[in-house]
Protein backbone atom coordinates (compact mmCIF):
# COMPACT_ATOMS: atom_id res chain seq x y z
CA MET A 1 -58.86 21.20 -81.75
CA LYS A 2 -56.18 22.14 -79.22
CA PRO A 3 -54.72 19.34 -77.00
CA MET A 4 -56.59 20.50 -73.83
CA GLN A 5 -59.98 20.86 -75.51
CA PRO A 6 -60.85 17.10 -75.60
CA ILE A 7 -60.12 16.82 -71.86
CA LEU A 8 -62.27 19.89 -71.08
CA LEU A 9 -65.05 18.55 -73.32
CA ALA A 10 -64.95 15.16 -71.53
CA LEU A 11 -65.07 16.85 -68.11
CA SER A 12 -68.05 19.00 -69.08
CA ILE A 13 -69.95 15.95 -70.42
CA LEU A 14 -69.20 14.01 -67.22
CA SER A 15 -70.29 16.91 -65.06
CA ALA A 16 -73.57 17.25 -66.98
CA ALA A 17 -74.21 13.51 -66.72
CA LEU A 18 -73.71 13.48 -62.96
CA SER A 19 -76.09 16.37 -62.41
CA SER A 20 -78.83 14.93 -64.62
CA PRO A 21 -82.03 13.44 -63.18
CA ILE A 22 -80.96 9.98 -64.33
CA ALA A 23 -77.87 10.15 -62.11
CA GLY A 24 -80.14 11.02 -59.17
CA ALA A 25 -82.00 7.76 -59.73
CA ILE A 26 -78.98 5.79 -58.55
CA GLU A 27 -79.72 4.57 -55.04
CA PRO A 28 -77.36 5.62 -52.28
CA PRO A 29 -75.53 2.89 -50.35
CA PRO A 30 -77.68 1.19 -47.71
CA GLN A 31 -77.81 2.85 -44.31
CA GLU A 32 -76.70 0.96 -41.20
CA SER A 33 -79.60 -0.99 -39.81
CA HIS A 34 -81.00 0.32 -36.55
CA GLU A 35 -82.49 -3.09 -35.75
CA ILE A 36 -79.39 -4.13 -33.80
CA HIS A 37 -79.49 -0.92 -31.77
CA ASP A 38 -83.23 -1.39 -31.16
CA LEU A 39 -82.64 -4.94 -29.91
CA GLN A 40 -79.94 -3.74 -27.54
CA ALA A 41 -82.17 -0.91 -26.31
CA ASN A 42 -84.84 -3.45 -25.34
CA GLN A 43 -82.42 -5.67 -23.41
CA PRO A 44 -82.67 -5.52 -19.60
CA ILE A 45 -79.82 -3.71 -17.87
CA TRP A 46 -77.76 -5.10 -14.98
CA ASN A 47 -75.00 -3.63 -12.82
CA PHE A 48 -73.17 -4.95 -9.75
CA ASP A 49 -69.87 -4.48 -7.91
CA LEU A 50 -67.38 -7.09 -6.71
CA PHE A 51 -64.92 -6.61 -3.83
CA HIS A 52 -61.72 -8.32 -2.75
CA ASN A 53 -62.83 -8.60 0.88
CA LYS A 54 -66.05 -9.53 2.69
CA LYS A 55 -66.64 -6.02 4.07
CA CYS A 56 -66.71 -4.34 0.61
CA HIS A 57 -63.75 -2.13 1.48
CA GLY A 58 -60.95 -1.33 -0.90
CA THR A 59 -61.03 -1.71 -4.65
CA ARG A 60 -64.45 -1.86 -6.24
CA ILE A 61 -64.75 -3.59 -9.62
CA SER A 62 -68.00 -2.71 -11.38
CA TYR A 63 -69.62 -4.93 -13.98
CA ALA A 64 -72.52 -3.79 -16.14
CA GLY A 65 -74.27 -4.87 -19.31
CA GLN A 66 -77.49 -5.56 -21.14
CA GLY A 67 -79.26 -8.89 -21.51
CA SER A 68 -77.78 -12.33 -20.98
CA SER A 69 -74.04 -12.83 -21.10
CA GLY A 70 -71.68 -15.69 -21.52
CA CYS A 71 -69.31 -16.78 -18.80
CA HIS A 72 -67.11 -13.95 -17.51
CA ASN A 73 -64.04 -15.59 -16.01
CA ASN A 74 -61.31 -13.00 -16.29
CA LEU A 75 -62.23 -11.25 -13.06
CA GLU A 76 -59.92 -8.67 -11.56
CA LEU A 77 -58.64 -9.07 -7.99
CA GLU A 78 -58.17 -12.81 -8.63
CA GLY A 79 -61.71 -13.37 -7.53
CA ALA A 80 -64.03 -11.64 -5.10
CA GLU A 81 -65.29 -12.29 -1.58
CA ALA A 82 -68.27 -9.89 -1.58
CA TYR A 83 -70.63 -8.00 -3.86
CA ILE A 84 -73.19 -5.21 -3.97
CA ASN A 85 -76.28 -5.34 -6.16
CA VAL A 86 -76.25 -1.91 -7.80
CA ASN A 87 -79.13 -2.45 -10.23
CA ILE A 88 -80.29 -5.84 -11.48
CA ASN A 89 -83.31 -5.78 -13.78
CA PRO A 90 -86.18 -7.98 -12.50
CA LYS A 91 -85.85 -10.08 -15.68
CA CYS A 92 -82.21 -10.94 -14.89
CA ARG A 93 -80.13 -12.84 -12.39
CA VAL A 94 -76.36 -12.93 -11.99
CA VAL A 95 -74.99 -16.32 -10.99
CA LEU A 96 -71.63 -16.33 -9.19
CA PHE A 97 -69.29 -19.33 -9.42
CA LYS A 98 -66.19 -20.44 -7.49
CA ASP A 99 -64.51 -21.86 -10.60
CA ASN A 100 -63.36 -20.21 -13.83
CA LYS A 101 -65.82 -22.14 -16.02
CA CYS A 102 -69.24 -21.07 -14.70
CA SER A 103 -69.93 -24.71 -13.87
CA HIS A 104 -73.38 -25.11 -12.36
CA ARG A 105 -71.99 -27.37 -9.63
CA ALA A 106 -69.61 -24.52 -8.64
CA LYS A 107 -72.38 -21.98 -7.99
CA VAL A 108 -71.80 -20.02 -4.77
CA ASP A 109 -74.45 -17.29 -4.89
CA GLU A 110 -76.93 -15.46 -7.06
CA ILE A 111 -77.70 -11.75 -7.41
CA SER A 112 -81.21 -10.81 -8.45
CA THR A 113 -83.56 -7.89 -8.04
CA ARG A 114 -84.51 -9.33 -4.63
CA THR A 115 -80.92 -9.11 -3.40
CA ALA A 116 -80.36 -6.16 -1.08
CA THR A 117 -78.30 -3.27 -2.39
CA LYS A 118 -75.78 -3.48 0.45
CA CYS A 119 -72.58 -5.43 0.92
CA LYS A 120 -72.99 -9.21 0.95
CA GLY A 121 -70.08 -11.55 1.58
CA ILE A 122 -69.70 -14.91 -0.11
CA VAL A 123 -70.30 -17.68 2.42
CA HIS A 124 -67.94 -20.51 3.41
CA LYS A 125 -64.70 -18.65 2.59
CA LYS A 126 -65.25 -19.08 -1.13
CA ARG A 127 -64.09 -16.65 -3.82
CA VAL A 128 -66.05 -15.74 -6.90
CA ARG A 129 -63.92 -16.56 -9.94
CA SER A 130 -66.57 -16.27 -12.67
CA PHE A 131 -70.13 -15.13 -13.30
CA GLU A 132 -72.87 -15.42 -15.88
CA VAL A 133 -75.97 -13.30 -16.41
CA TRP A 134 -79.30 -14.80 -17.47
CA CYS A 135 -82.20 -12.59 -18.57
């Protein structure tokens, strides 16, 4: 046998083995589960805008998501003085806080589906520094 023949023989045996019906019986790797995507698709959607001043002029910072959230305390504009309810699902409410910890005693306002979709200033010269969404 010539030196290349054993290598060619091995390659032809390997090729035949991979194309055999037994090789087809090997299960493919598991597919990514769509359960996580399905759960997210069923979560209620919320969307609102925060503004640096009480008249909702200037820079608009939009926040949006699905389902409940943890405390969001890294707000742009160093806090906000007004908001607009863009679209809050009836199953959700957005609670606005004057501190960076979403402390319940620091609640200043709440956005829900009942909140008008026009500019609303935060009362008593308070600034929103954090928020949390509950659905």
